[in-house]
């Protein structure tokens, strides 16, 4: 079976390099993990709240670029450097998702490739 696929590129770290920001196939969009890094791969802030807000804003840009949106997220995967940040994440996640309640998982990871990075977020979403 040959599935038609479209690669999505927006202004995020890695654009034009080894991977796309998302791939749309079979009516679904699969995003690359969104990180709190600027276009030069520098950490945008040490603050968890600022990192999370930035990552959610980047994810929204990617979703919109591929013809989807936050309300179309089916599954949200959040990787945290410290699971204790879950309580700080909750209100930011709620604000980002609004009324949407996608299937979700939060996973603590040992470390990220960039020192000080506290989270990474990826999503699977329906395309409008």
PDB file of N, CA and C in Angstrom:
ATOM      1  N   UNK A   1       0.845  -1.174   0.000  1.00  0.00           N
ATOM      2  CA  UNK A   1       0.000   0.000   0.000  1.00  0.00           C
ATOM      3  C   UNK A   1       0.893   1.241   0.000  1.00  0.00           C
ATOM      4  N   UNK A   2       0.635   2.128  -0.924  1.00  0.00           N
ATOM      5  CA  UNK A   2       1.392   3.367  -1.028  1.00  0.00           C
ATOM      6  C   UNK A   2       0.556   4.503  -0.474  1.00  0.00           C
ATOM      7  N   UNK A   3       0.943   5.036   0.658  1.00  0.00           N
ATOM      8  CA  UNK A   3       0.194   6.091   1.331  1.00  0.00           C
ATOM      9  C   UNK A   3       0.737   7.449   0.905  1.00  0.00           C
ATOM     10  N   UNK A   4      -0.166   8.320   0.432  1.00  0.00           N
ATOM     11  CA  UNK A   4       0.264   9.670   0.079  1.00  0.00           C
ATOM     12  C   UNK A   4       0.672  10.399   1.354  1.00  0.00           C
ATOM     13  N   UNK A   5       1.815  11.053   1.298  1.00  0.00           N
ATOM     14  CA  UNK A   5       2.308  11.760   2.473  1.00  0.00           C
ATOM     15  C   UNK A   5       2.825  13.129   2.071  1.00  0.00           C
ATOM     16  N   UNK A   6       2.731  14.062   3.009  1.00  0.00           N
ATOM     17  CA  UNK A   6       3.198  15.427   2.779  1.00  0.00           C
ATOM     18  C   UNK A   6       4.042  15.842   3.971  1.00  0.00           C
ATOM     19  N   UNK A   7       5.235  16.341   3.705  1.00  0.00           N
ATOM     20  CA  UNK A   7       6.108  16.831   4.769  1.00  0.00           C
ATOM     21  C   UNK A   7       5.816  18.309   5.020  1.00  0.00           C
ATOM     22  N   UNK A   8       5.750  18.670   6.299  1.00  0.00           N
ATOM     23  CA  UNK A   8       5.446  20.041   6.705  1.00  0.00           C
ATOM     24  C   UNK A   8       6.706  20.662   7.306  1.00  0.00           C
ATOM     25  N   UNK A   9       7.034  21.876   6.847  1.00  0.00           N
ATOM     26  CA  UNK A   9       8.187  22.609   7.369  1.00  0.00           C
ATOM     27  C   UNK A   9       7.737  23.992   7.827  1.00  0.00           C
ATOM     28  N   UNK A  10       8.127  24.367   9.040  1.00  0.00           N
ATOM     29  CA  UNK A  10       7.901  25.717   9.566  1.00  0.00           C
ATOM     30  C   UNK A  10       9.201  26.171  10.218  1.00  0.00           C
ATOM     31  N   UNK A  11       9.212  27.353  10.791  1.00  0.00           N
ATOM     32  CA  UNK A  11      10.431  27.870  11.401  1.00  0.00           C
ATOM     33  C   UNK A  11      10.621  27.286  12.793  1.00  0.00           C
ATOM     34  N   UNK A  12      11.254  26.131  12.855  1.00  0.00           N
ATOM     35  CA  UNK A  12      11.597  25.480  14.119  1.00  0.00           C
ATOM     36  C   UNK A  12      12.989  24.900  13.979  1.00  0.00           C
ATOM     37  N   UNK A  13      13.648  24.577  15.070  1.00  0.00           N
ATOM     38  CA  UNK A  13      14.970  23.966  14.967  1.00  0.00           C
ATOM     39  C   UNK A  13      14.921  22.722  14.092  1.00  0.00           C
ATOM     40  N   UNK A  14      15.917  22.577  13.236  1.00  0.00           N
ATOM     41  CA  UNK A  14      15.994  21.402  12.382  1.00  0.00           C
ATOM     42  C   UNK A  14      15.365  21.599  11.021  1.00  0.00           C
ATOM     43  N   UNK A  15      14.684  22.722  10.796  1.00  0.00           N
ATOM     44  CA  UNK A  15      14.029  22.950   9.521  1.00  0.00           C
ATOM     45  C   UNK A  15      15.049  22.838   8.386  1.00  0.00           C
ATOM     46  N   UNK A  16      14.713  22.038   7.392  1.00  0.00           N
ATOM     47  CA  UNK A  16      15.592  21.866   6.249  1.00  0.00           C
ATOM     48  C   UNK A  16      16.749  20.931   6.507  1.00  0.00           C
ATOM     49  N   UNK A  17      16.777  20.288   7.647  1.00  0.00           N
ATOM     50  CA  UNK A  17      17.879  19.386   7.947  1.00  0.00           C
ATOM     51  C   UNK A  17      17.445  17.942   7.728  1.00  0.00           C
ATOM     52  N   UNK A  18      17.558  17.109   8.726  1.00  0.00           N
ATOM     53  CA  UNK A  18      17.319  15.682   8.556  1.00  0.00           C
ATOM     54  C   UNK A  18      15.872  15.259   8.735  1.00  0.00           C
ATOM     55  N   UNK A  19      14.998  16.150   9.169  1.00  0.00           N
ATOM     56  CA  UNK A  19      13.611  15.759   9.405  1.00  0.00           C
ATOM     57  C   UNK A  19      12.679  16.940   9.169  1.00  0.00           C
ATOM     58  N   UNK A  20      11.419  16.621   8.977  1.00  0.00           N
ATOM     59  CA  UNK A  20      10.402  17.661   8.821  1.00  0.00           C
ATOM     60  C   UNK A  20       9.791  17.963  10.185  1.00  0.00           C
ATOM     61  N   UNK A  21       9.010  19.030  10.253  1.00  0.00           N
ATOM     62  CA  UNK A  21       8.332  19.381  11.502  1.00  0.00           C
ATOM     63  C   UNK A  21       7.105  18.514  11.731  1.00  0.00           C
ATOM     64  N   UNK A  22       6.568  17.982  10.640  1.00  0.00           N
ATOM     65  CA  UNK A  22       5.427  17.070  10.729  1.00  0.00           C
ATOM     66  C   UNK A  22       5.287  16.351   9.397  1.00  0.00           C
ATOM     67  N   UNK A  23       4.561  15.255   9.429  1.00  0.00           N
ATOM     68  CA  UNK A  23       4.199  14.528   8.215  1.00  0.00           C
ATOM     69  C   UNK A  23       2.699  14.285   8.272  1.00  0.00           C
ATOM     70  N   UNK A  24       2.027  14.571   7.151  1.00  0.00           N
ATOM     71  CA  UNK A  24       0.599  14.292   7.028  1.00  0.00           C
ATOM     72  C   UNK A  24       0.452  13.077   6.126  1.00  0.00           C
ATOM     73  N   UNK A  25      -0.285  12.083   6.606  1.00  0.00           N
ATOM     74  CA  UNK A  25      -0.542  10.867   5.836  1.00  0.00           C
ATOM     75  C   UNK A  25      -1.832  10.233   6.340  1.00  0.00           C
ATOM     76  N   UNK A  26      -2.643   9.752   5.426  1.00  0.00           N
ATOM     77  CA  UNK A  26      -3.861   9.059   5.820  1.00  0.00           C
ATOM     78  C   UNK A  26      -4.805   9.897   6.656  1.00  0.00           C
ATOM     79  N   UNK A  27      -4.830  11.204   6.433  1.00  0.00           N
ATOM     80  CA  UNK A  27      -5.730  12.080   7.174  1.00  0.00           C
ATOM     81  C   UNK A  27      -5.253  12.435   8.570  1.00  0.00           C
ATOM     82  N   UNK A  28      -4.028  12.021   8.901  1.00  0.00           N
ATOM     83  CA  UNK A  28      -3.458  12.317  10.216  1.00  0.00           C
ATOM     84  C   UNK A  28      -2.154  13.084  10.073  1.00  0.00           C
ATOM     85  N   UNK A  29      -1.856  13.898  11.068  1.00  0.00           N
ATOM     86  CA  UNK A  29      -0.587  14.610  11.128  1.00  0.00           C
ATOM     87  C   UNK A  29       0.210  14.087  12.313  1.00  0.00           C
ATOM     88  N   UNK A  30       1.468  13.774  12.049  1.00  0.00           N
ATOM     89  CA  UNK A  30       2.396  13.298  13.075  1.00  0.00           C
ATOM     90  C   UNK A  30       3.464  14.369  13.224  1.00  0.00           C
ATOM     91  N   UNK A  31       3.538  15.003  14.389  1.00  0.00           N
ATOM     92  CA  UNK A  31       4.509  16.083  14.556  1.00  0.00           C
ATOM     93  C   UNK A  31       5.827  15.562  15.118  1.00  0.00           C
ATOM     94  N   UNK A  32       6.867  16.276  14.775  1.00  0.00           N
ATOM     95  CA  UNK A  32       8.166  16.073  15.402  1.00  0.00           C
ATOM     96  C   UNK A  32       8.076  16.645  16.814  1.00  0.00           C
ATOM     97  N   UNK A  33       8.857  16.122  17.725  1.00  0.00           N
ATOM     98  CA  UNK A  33       8.875  16.677  19.077  1.00  0.00           C
ATOM     99  C   UNK A  33       9.259  18.142  19.044  1.00  0.00           C
ATOM    100  N   UNK A  34       8.455  18.971  19.675  1.00  0.00           N
ATOM    101  CA  UNK A  34       8.717  20.409  19.743  1.00  0.00           C
ATOM    102  C   UNK A  34       9.535  20.692  20.993  1.00  0.00           C
ATOM    103  N   UNK A  35      10.613  21.450  20.797  1.00  0.00           N
ATOM    104  CA  UNK A  35      11.579  21.693  21.867  1.00  0.00           C
ATOM    105  C   UNK A  35      11.671  23.186  22.181  1.00  0.00           C
ATOM    106  N   UNK A  36      12.094  23.553  23.375  1.00  0.00           N
ATOM    107  CA  UNK A  36      12.232  24.965  23.738  1.00  0.00           C
ATOM    108  C   UNK A  36      13.565  25.543  23.258  1.00  0.00           C
ATOM    109  N   UNK A  37      13.796  25.432  21.956  1.00  0.00           N
ATOM    110  CA  UNK A  37      15.042  25.897  21.346  1.00  0.00           C
ATOM    111  C   UNK A  37      14.721  26.891  20.248  1.00  0.00           C
ATOM    112  N   UNK A  38      15.554  27.923  20.113  1.00  0.00           N
ATOM    113  CA  UNK A  38      15.346  28.884  19.039  1.00  0.00           C
ATOM    114  C   UNK A  38      15.925  28.323  17.738  1.00  0.00           C
ATOM    115  N   UNK A  39      15.884  29.112  16.679  1.00  0.00           N
ATOM    116  CA  UNK A  39      16.336  28.647  15.367  1.00  0.00           C
ATOM    117  C   UNK A  39      17.821  28.312  15.327  1.00  0.00           C
ATOM    118  N   UNK A  40      18.589  28.823  16.279  1.00  0.00           N
ATOM    119  CA  UNK A  40      20.020  28.510  16.350  1.00  0.00           C
ATOM    120  C   UNK A  40      20.310  27.404  17.362  1.00  0.00           C
ATOM    121  N   UNK A  41      19.267  26.715  17.805  1.00  0.00           N
ATOM    122  CA  UNK A  41      19.365  25.600  18.748  1.00  0.00           C
ATOM    123  C   UNK A  41      19.775  26.033  20.150  1.00  0.00           C
ATOM    124  N   UNK A  42      19.521  27.296  20.499  1.00  0.00           N
ATOM    125  CA  UNK A  42      19.793  27.778  21.854  1.00  0.00           C
ATOM    126  C   UNK A  42      18.545  27.619  22.707  1.00  0.00           C
ATOM    127  N   UNK A  43      18.732  27.230  23.954  1.00  0.00           N
ATOM    128  CA  UNK A  43      17.630  27.120  24.898  1.00  0.00           C
ATOM    129  C   UNK A  43      16.999  28.498  25.076  1.00  0.00           C
ATOM    130  N   UNK A  44      15.673  28.589  24.982  1.00  0.00           N
ATOM    131  CA  UNK A  44      15.016  29.900  25.029  1.00  0.00           C
ATOM    132  C   UNK A  44      14.948  30.480  26.437  1.00  0.00           C
ATOM    133  N   UNK A  45      15.002  29.621  27.468  1.00  0.00           N
ATOM    134  CA  UNK A  45      14.917  30.076  28.859  1.00  0.00           C
ATOM    135  C   UNK A  45      15.199  28.901  29.778  1.00  0.00           C
ATOM    136  N   UNK A  46      15.589  29.186  31.000  1.00  0.00           N
ATOM    137  CA  UNK A  46      15.736  28.138  32.021  1.00  0.00           C
ATOM    138  C   UNK A  46      14.396  27.843  32.695  1.00  0.00           C
ATOM    139  N   UNK A  47      13.454  28.759  32.587  1.00  0.00           N
ATOM    140  CA  UNK A  47      12.155  28.649  33.248  1.00  0.00           C
ATOM    141  C   UNK A  47      11.295  27.547  32.623  1.00  0.00           C
ATOM    142  N   UNK A  48      10.772  26.651  33.457  1.00  0.00           N
ATOM    143  CA  UNK A  48       9.895  25.592  32.950  1.00  0.00           C
ATOM    144  C   UNK A  48       8.666  26.189  32.272  1.00  0.00           C
ATOM    145  N   UNK A  49       8.051  27.175  32.904  1.00  0.00           N
ATOM    146  CA  UNK A  49       6.836  27.773  32.355  1.00  0.00           C
ATOM    147  C   UNK A  49       7.094  28.421  30.996  1.00  0.00           C
ATOM    148  N   UNK A  50       8.200  29.115  30.854  1.00  0.00           N
ATOM    149  CA  UNK A  50       8.530  29.741  29.568  1.00  0.00           C
ATOM    150  C   UNK A  50       8.832  28.687  28.512  1.00  0.00           C
ATOM    151  N   UNK A  51       9.537  27.628  28.901  1.00  0.00           N
ATOM    152  CA  UNK A  51       9.810  26.546  27.957  1.00  0.00           C
ATOM    153  C   UNK A  51       8.512  25.896  27.486  1.00  0.00           C
ATOM    154  N   UNK A  52       7.618  25.592  28.425  1.00  0.00           N
ATOM    155  CA  UNK A  52       6.360  24.926  28.069  1.00  0.00           C
ATOM    156  C   UNK A  52       5.497  25.821  27.183  1.00  0.00           C
ATOM    157  N   UNK A  53       5.389  27.090  27.520  1.00  0.00           N
ATOM    158  CA  UNK A  53       4.590  28.018  26.712  1.00  0.00           C
ATOM    159  C   UNK A  53       5.131  28.111  25.292  1.00  0.00           C
ATOM    160  N   UNK A  54       6.445  28.180  25.167  1.00  0.00           N
ATOM    161  CA  UNK A  54       7.090  28.251  23.855  1.00  0.00           C
ATOM    162  C   UNK A  54       6.817  26.985  23.049  1.00  0.00           C
ATOM    163  N   UNK A  55       6.977  25.832  23.683  1.00  0.00           N
ATOM    164  CA  UNK A  55       6.775  24.548  23.008  1.00  0.00           C
ATOM    165  C   UNK A  55       5.329  24.420  22.523  1.00  0.00           C
ATOM    166  N   UNK A  56       4.367  24.788  23.356  1.00  0.00           N
ATOM    167  CA  UNK A  56       2.966  24.705  22.941  1.00  0.00           C
ATOM    168  C   UNK A  56       2.682  25.669  21.784  1.00  0.00           C
ATOM    169  N   UNK A  57       3.270  26.857  21.805  1.00  0.00           N
ATOM    170  CA  UNK A  57       3.089  27.812  20.706  1.00  0.00           C
ATOM    171  C   UNK A  57       3.688  27.262  19.411  1.00  0.00           C
ATOM    172  N   UNK A  58       4.861  26.648  19.508  1.00  0.00           N
ATOM    173  CA  UNK A  58       5.486  26.043  18.331  1.00  0.00           C
ATOM    174  C   UNK A  58       4.629  24.905  17.790  1.00  0.00           C
ATOM    175  N   UNK A  59       4.109  24.078  18.684  1.00  0.00           N
ATOM    176  CA  UNK A  59       3.269  22.960  18.262  1.00  0.00           C
ATOM    177  C   UNK A  59       2.034  23.479  17.531  1.00  0.00           C
ATOM    178  N   UNK A  60       1.432  24.530  18.037  1.00  0.00           N
ATOM    179  CA  UNK A  60       0.258  25.104  17.375  1.00  0.00           C
ATOM    180  C   UNK A  60       0.603  25.593  15.970  1.00  0.00           C
ATOM    181  N   UNK A  61       1.768  26.227  15.788  1.00  0.00           N
ATOM    182  CA  UNK A  61       2.205  26.680  14.462  1.00  0.00           C
ATOM    183  C   UNK A  61       2.337  25.507  13.501  1.00  0.00           C
ATOM    184  N   UNK A  62       2.941  24.422  13.972  1.00  0.00           N
ATOM    185  CA  UNK A  62       3.130  23.239  13.128  1.00  0.00           C
ATOM    186  C   UNK A  62       1.776  22.648  12.740  1.00  0.00           C
ATOM    187  N   UNK A  63       0.885  22.506  13.709  1.00  0.00           N
ATOM    188  CA  UNK A  63      -0.445  21.957  13.425  1.00  0.00           C
ATOM    189  C   UNK A  63      -1.164  22.795  12.372  1.00  0.00           C
ATOM    190  N   UNK A  64      -1.144  24.107  12.536  1.00  0.00           N
ATOM    191  CA  UNK A  64      -1.827  24.990  11.592  1.00  0.00           C
ATOM    192  C   UNK A  64      -1.193  24.942  10.208  1.00  0.00           C
ATOM    193  N   UNK A  65       0.129  24.834  10.142  1.00  0.00           N
ATOM    194  CA  UNK A  65       0.821  24.760   8.853  1.00  0.00           C
ATOM    195  C   UNK A  65       0.430  23.512   8.069  1.00  0.00           C
ATOM    196  N   UNK A  66       0.039  22.470   8.779  1.00  0.00           N
ATOM    197  CA  UNK A  66      -0.347  21.222   8.123  1.00  0.00           C
ATOM    198  C   UNK A  66      -1.837  21.045   7.946  1.00  0.00           C
ATOM    199  N   UNK A  67      -2.625  22.087   8.230  1.00  0.00           N
ATOM    200  CA  UNK A  67      -4.061  22.005   8.036  1.00  0.00           C
ATOM    201  C   UNK A  67      -4.808  21.379   9.194  1.00  0.00           C
ATOM    202  N   UNK A  68      -4.253  21.465  10.373  1.00  0.00           N
ATOM    203  CA  UNK A  68      -4.893  20.921  11.561  1.00  0.00           C
ATOM    204  C   UNK A  68      -5.000  22.028  12.605  1.00  0.00           C
ATOM    205  N   UNK A  69      -5.184  21.651  13.853  1.00  0.00           N
ATOM    206  CA  UNK A  69      -5.257  22.623  14.928  1.00  0.00           C
ATOM    207  C   UNK A  69      -5.262  21.923  16.267  1.00  0.00           C
ATOM    208  N   UNK A  70      -5.157  22.691  17.309  1.00  0.00           N
ATOM    209  CA  UNK A  70      -5.118  22.138  18.666  1.00  0.00           C
ATOM    210  C   UNK A  70      -6.359  21.292  18.941  1.00  0.00           C
ATOM    211  N   UNK A  71      -7.512  21.742  18.445  1.00  0.00           N
ATOM    212  CA  UNK A  71      -8.761  21.014  18.681  1.00  0.00           C
ATOM    213  C   UNK A  71      -8.830  19.678  17.952  1.00  0.00           C
ATOM    214  N   UNK A  72      -7.870  19.425  17.072  1.00  0.00           N
ATOM    215  CA  UNK A  72      -7.840  18.177  16.305  1.00  0.00           C
ATOM    216  C   UNK A  72      -6.822  17.169  16.850  1.00  0.00           C
ATOM    217  N   UNK A  73      -6.138  17.512  17.942  1.00  0.00           N
ATOM    218  CA  UNK A  73      -5.143  16.596  18.512  1.00  0.00           C
ATOM    219  C   UNK A  73      -5.843  15.338  19.016  1.00  0.00           C
ATOM    220  N   UNK A  74      -5.327  14.200  18.580  1.00  0.00           N
ATOM    221  CA  UNK A  74      -5.852  12.895  18.984  1.00  0.00           C
ATOM    222  C   UNK A  74      -5.034  12.333  20.138  1.00  0.00           C
ATOM    223  N   UNK A  75      -3.723  12.503  20.048  1.00  0.00           N
ATOM    224  CA  UNK A  75      -2.823  12.000  21.093  1.00  0.00           C
ATOM    225  C   UNK A  75      -1.717  13.024  21.320  1.00  0.00           C
ATOM    226  N   UNK A  76      -1.450  13.298  22.592  1.00  0.00           N
ATOM    227  CA  UNK A  76      -0.406  14.240  22.989  1.00  0.00           C
ATOM    228  C   UNK A  76       0.592  13.495  23.861  1.00  0.00           C
ATOM    229  N   UNK A  77       1.864  13.553  23.481  1.00  0.00           N
ATOM    230  CA  UNK A  77       2.921  12.911  24.258  1.00  0.00           C
ATOM    231  C   UNK A  77       3.854  13.995  24.775  1.00  0.00           C
ATOM    232  N   UNK A  78       4.045  14.003  26.092  1.00  0.00           N
ATOM    233  CA  UNK A  78       4.893  15.009  26.731  1.00  0.00           C
ATOM    234  C   UNK A  78       6.022  14.296  27.459  1.00  0.00           C
ATOM    235  N   UNK A  79       7.249  14.667  27.123  1.00  0.00           N
ATOM    236  CA  UNK A  79       8.436  14.122  27.776  1.00  0.00           C
ATOM    237  C   UNK A  79       8.961  15.178  28.741  1.00  0.00           C
ATOM    238  N   UNK A  80       9.150  14.797  29.994  1.00  0.00           N
ATOM    239  CA  UNK A  80       9.651  15.713  31.017  1.00  0.00           C
ATOM    240  C   UNK A  80      10.990  15.231  31.560  1.00  0.00           C
ATOM    241  N   UNK A  81      11.895  16.169  31.819  1.00  0.00           N
ATOM    242  CA  UNK A  81      13.157  15.822  32.473  1.00  0.00           C
ATOM    243  C   UNK A  81      12.911  15.473  33.938  1.00  0.00           C
ATOM    244  N   UNK A  82      11.894  16.088  34.542  1.00  0.00           N
ATOM    245  CA  UNK A  82      11.572  15.866  35.955  1.00  0.00           C
ATOM    246  C   UNK A  82      10.062  15.727  36.101  1.00  0.00           C
ATOM    247  N   UNK A  83       9.597  14.564  36.482  1.00  0.00           N
ATOM    248  CA  UNK A  83       8.162  14.302  36.604  1.00  0.00           C
ATOM    249  C   UNK A  83       7.498  15.241  37.609  1.00  0.00           C
ATOM    250  N   UNK A  84       8.271  15.806  38.529  1.00  0.00           N
ATOM    251  CA  UNK A  84       7.717  16.756  39.495  1.00  0.00           C
ATOM    252  C   UNK A  84       7.227  18.046  38.831  1.00  0.00           C
ATOM    253  N   UNK A  85       7.615  18.277  37.567  1.00  0.00           N
ATOM    254  CA  UNK A  85       7.130  19.453  36.837  1.00  0.00           C
ATOM    255  C   UNK A  85       5.695  19.271  36.341  1.00  0.00           C
ATOM    256  N   UNK A  86       5.114  18.095  36.550  1.00  0.00           N
ATOM    257  CA  UNK A  86       3.742  17.838  36.096  1.00  0.00           C
ATOM    258  C   UNK A  86       2.760  18.857  36.659  1.00  0.00           C
ATOM    259  N   UNK A  87       2.913  19.226  37.922  1.00  0.00           N
ATOM    260  CA  UNK A  87       1.977  20.193  38.521  1.00  0.00           C
ATOM    261  C   UNK A  87       2.116  21.577  37.882  1.00  0.00           C
ATOM    262  N   UNK A  88       3.310  21.947  37.461  1.00  0.00           N
ATOM    263  CA  UNK A  88       3.507  23.226  36.767  1.00  0.00           C
ATOM    264  C   UNK A  88       2.975  23.157  35.340  1.00  0.00           C
ATOM    265  N   UNK A  89       3.052  21.965  34.767  1.00  0.00           N
ATOM    266  CA  UNK A  89       2.602  21.754  33.395  1.00  0.00           C
ATOM    267  C   UNK A  89       1.082  21.834  33.276  1.00  0.00           C
ATOM    268  N   UNK A  90       0.368  21.314  34.266  1.00  0.00           N
ATOM    269  CA  UNK A  90      -1.090  21.155  34.175  1.00  0.00           C
ATOM    270  C   UNK A  90      -1.837  22.419  33.736  1.00  0.00           C
ATOM    271  N   UNK A  91      -1.634  23.584  34.360  1.00  0.00           N
ATOM    272  CA  UNK A  91      -2.400  24.760  33.925  1.00  0.00           C
ATOM    273  C   UNK A  91      -2.008  25.242  32.526  1.00  0.00           C
ATOM    274  N   UNK A  92      -0.751  25.075  32.154  1.00  0.00           N
ATOM    275  CA  UNK A  92      -0.297  25.477  30.821  1.00  0.00           C
ATOM    276  C   UNK A  92      -0.888  24.554  29.761  1.00  0.00           C
ATOM    277  N   UNK A  93      -0.933  23.273  30.072  1.00  0.00           N
ATOM    278  CA  UNK A  93      -1.517  22.279  29.163  1.00  0.00           C
ATOM    279  C   UNK A  93      -3.006  22.555  28.988  1.00  0.00           C
ATOM    280  N   UNK A  94      -3.695  22.840  30.099  1.00  0.00           N
ATOM    281  CA  UNK A  94      -5.131  23.151  30.052  1.00  0.00           C
ATOM    282  C   UNK A  94      -5.391  24.387  29.182  1.00  0.00           C
ATOM    283  N   UNK A  95      -4.581  25.415  29.360  1.00  0.00           N
ATOM    284  CA  UNK A  95      -4.739  26.647  28.575  1.00  0.00           C
ATOM    285  C   UNK A  95      -4.504  26.374  27.088  1.00  0.00           C
ATOM    286  N   UNK A  96      -3.534  25.545  26.775  1.00  0.00           N
ATOM    287  CA  UNK A  96      -3.219  25.206  25.390  1.00  0.00           C
ATOM    288  C   UNK A  96      -4.347  24.405  24.750  1.00  0.00           C
ATOM    289  N   UNK A  97      -4.843  23.396  25.443  1.00  0.00           N
ATOM    290  CA  UNK A  97      -5.837  22.487  24.869  1.00  0.00           C
ATOM    291  C   UNK A  97      -7.256  23.041  24.883  1.00  0.00           C
ATOM    292  N   UNK A  98      -7.545  23.981  25.761  1.00  0.00           N
ATOM    293  CA  UNK A  98      -8.920  24.471  25.853  1.00  0.00           C
ATOM    294  C   UNK A  98      -9.841  23.331  26.254  1.00  0.00           C
ATOM    295  N   UNK A  99     -10.898  23.126  25.476  1.00  0.00           N
ATOM    296  CA  UNK A  99     -11.866  22.072  25.777  1.00  0.00           C
ATOM    297  C   UNK A  99     -11.456  20.705  25.244  1.00  0.00           C
ATOM    298  N   UNK A 100     -10.415  20.645  24.432  1.00  0.00           N
ATOM    299  CA  UNK A 100      -9.974  19.361  23.857  1.00  0.00           C
ATOM    300  C   UNK A 100      -9.404  18.457  24.947  1.00  0.00           C
ATOM    301  N   UNK A 101      -9.695  17.194  24.864  1.00  0.00           N
ATOM    302  CA  UNK A 101      -9.187  16.205  25.822  1.00  0.00           C
ATOM    303  C   UNK A 101      -8.630  15.008  25.053  1.00  0.00           C
ATOM    304  N   UNK A 102      -7.465  15.183  24.408  1.00  0.00           N
ATOM    305  CA  UNK A 102      -6.902  14.072  23.639  1.00  0.00           C
ATOM    306  C   UNK A 102      -6.353  12.974  24.544  1.00  0.00           C
ATOM    307  N   UNK A 103      -6.192  11.797  23.971  1.00  0.00           N
ATOM    308  CA  UNK A 103      -5.458  10.751  24.675  1.00  0.00           C
ATOM    309  C   UNK A 103      -4.069  11.316  24.940  1.00  0.00           C
ATOM    310  N   UNK A 104      -3.525  11.060  26.126  1.00  0.00           N
ATOM    311  CA  UNK A 104      -2.265  11.701  26.502  1.00  0.00           C
ATOM    312  C   UNK A 104      -1.401  10.789  27.348  1.00  0.00           C
ATOM    313  N   UNK A 105      -0.110  11.072  27.300  1.00  0.00           N
ATOM    314  CA  UNK A 105       0.829  10.398  28.185  1.00  0.00           C
ATOM    315  C   UNK A 105       1.923  11.403  28.545  1.00  0.00           C
ATOM    316  N   UNK A 106       2.397  11.320  29.779  1.00  0.00           N
ATOM    317  CA  UNK A 106       3.552  12.099  30.229  1.00  0.00           C
ATOM    318  C   UNK A 106       4.615  11.096  30.639  1.00  0.00           C
ATOM    319  N   UNK A 107       5.811  11.259  30.096  1.00  0.00           N
ATOM    320  CA  UNK A 107       6.903  10.327  30.340  1.00  0.00           C
ATOM    321  C   UNK A 107       8.103  11.088  30.886  1.00  0.00           C
ATOM    322  N   UNK A 108       8.692  10.593  31.968  1.00  0.00           N
ATOM    323  CA  UNK A 108       9.946  11.180  32.456  1.00  0.00           C
ATOM    324  C   UNK A 108      11.090  10.521  31.702  1.00  0.00           C
ATOM    325  N   UNK A 109      11.993  11.347  31.187  1.00  0.00           N
ATOM    326  CA  UNK A 109      13.165  10.841  30.476  1.00  0.00           C
ATOM    327  C   UNK A 109      14.408  11.128  31.310  1.00  0.00           C
ATOM    328  N   UNK A 110      15.470  10.393  31.065  1.00  0.00           N
ATOM    329  CA  UNK A 110      16.699  10.579  31.833  1.00  0.00           C
ATOM    330  C   UNK A 110      17.340  11.930  31.603  1.00  0.00           C
ATOM    331  N   UNK A 111      17.370  12.361  30.349  1.00  0.00           N
ATOM    332  CA  UNK A 111      17.980  13.645  30.001  1.00  0.00           C
ATOM    333  C   UNK A 111      17.663  13.960  28.549  1.00  0.00           C
ATOM    334  N   UNK A 112      17.759  15.236  28.203  1.00  0.00           N
ATOM    335  CA  UNK A 112      17.634  15.668  26.820  1.00  0.00           C
ATOM    336  C   UNK A 112      19.026  16.009  26.305  1.00  0.00           C
ATOM    337  N   UNK A 113      19.152  16.182  24.999  1.00  0.00           N
ATOM    338  CA  UNK A 113      20.445  16.484  24.401  1.00  0.00           C
ATOM    339  C   UNK A 113      20.956  17.884  24.683  1.00  0.00           C
ATOM    340  N   UNK A 114      20.081  18.765  25.132  1.00  0.00           N
ATOM    341  CA  UNK A 114      20.463  20.142  25.440  1.00  0.00           C
ATOM    342  C   UNK A 114      20.366  20.365  26.943  1.00  0.00           C
ATOM    343  N   UNK A 115      21.469  20.714  27.606  1.00  0.00           N
ATOM    344  CA  UNK A 115      21.413  20.973  29.049  1.00  0.00           C
ATOM    345  C   UNK A 115      20.383  22.054  29.375  1.00  0.00           C
ATOM    346  N   UNK A 116      19.608  21.831  30.425  1.00  0.00           N
ATOM    347  CA  UNK A 116      18.601  22.789  30.852  1.00  0.00           C
ATOM    348  C   UNK A 116      17.243  22.607  30.201  1.00  0.00           C
ATOM    349  N   UNK A 117      17.189  21.772  29.162  1.00  0.00           N
ATOM    350  CA  UNK A 117      15.909  21.515  28.503  1.00  0.00           C
ATOM    351  C   UNK A 117      15.039  20.685  29.434  1.00  0.00           C
ATOM    352  N   UNK A 118      13.784  21.125  29.630  1.00  0.00           N
ATOM    353  CA  UNK A 118      12.923  20.487  30.629  1.00  0.00           C
ATOM    354  C   UNK A 118      11.797  19.656  30.036  1.00  0.00           C
ATOM    355  N   UNK A 119      11.451  19.900  28.742  1.00  0.00           N
ATOM    356  CA  UNK A 119      10.366  19.133  28.144  1.00  0.00           C
ATOM    357  C   UNK A 119      10.449  19.124  26.631  1.00  0.00           C
ATOM    358  N   UNK A 120       9.740  18.177  26.046  1.00  0.00           N
ATOM    359  CA  UNK A 120       9.550  18.066  24.606  1.00  0.00           C
ATOM    360  C   UNK A 120       8.141  17.526  24.416  1.00  0.00           C
ATOM    361  N   UNK A 121       7.440  18.027  23.395  1.00  0.00           N
ATOM    362  CA  UNK A 121       6.042  17.643  23.187  1.00  0.00           C
ATOM    363  C   UNK A 121       5.825  17.281  21.721  1.00  0.00           C
ATOM    364  N   UNK A 122       5.125  16.159  21.499  1.00  0.00           N
ATOM    365  CA  UNK A 122       4.748  15.765  20.141  1.00  0.00           C
ATOM    366  C   UNK A 122       3.275  15.399  20.124  1.00  0.00           C
ATOM    367  N   UNK A 123       2.688  15.410  18.929  1.00  0.00           N
ATOM    368  CA  UNK A 123       1.260  15.143  18.823  1.00  0.00           C
ATOM    369  C   UNK A 123       0.934  14.368  17.558  1.00  0.00           C
ATOM    370  N   UNK A 124      -0.198  13.695  17.615  1.00  0.00           N
ATOM    371  CA  UNK A 124      -0.852  13.125  16.443  1.00  0.00           C
ATOM    372  C   UNK A 124      -2.192  13.832  16.369  1.00  0.00           C
ATOM    373  N   UNK A 125      -2.520  14.362  15.194  1.00  0.00           N
ATOM    374  CA  UNK A 125      -3.755  15.133  15.055  1.00  0.00           C
ATOM    375  C   UNK A 125      -4.452  14.793  13.745  1.00  0.00           C
ATOM    376  N   UNK A 126      -5.764  14.942  13.733  1.00  0.00           N
ATOM    377  CA  UNK A 126      -6.531  14.803  12.500  1.00  0.00           C
ATOM    378  C   UNK A 126      -6.315  16.058  11.660  1.00  0.00           C
ATOM    379  N   UNK A 127      -6.365  15.893  10.347  1.00  0.00           N
ATOM    380  CA  UNK A 127      -6.247  17.035   9.445  1.00  0.00           C
ATOM    381  C   UNK A 127      -7.657  17.454   9.055  1.00  0.00           C
ATOM    382  N   UNK A 128      -7.923  18.749   9.134  1.00  0.00           N
ATOM    383  CA  UNK A 128      -9.274  19.277   8.854  1.00  0.00           C
ATOM    384  C   UNK A 128      -9.631  19.108   7.395  1.00  0.00           C
TER     385      UNK A 128
END
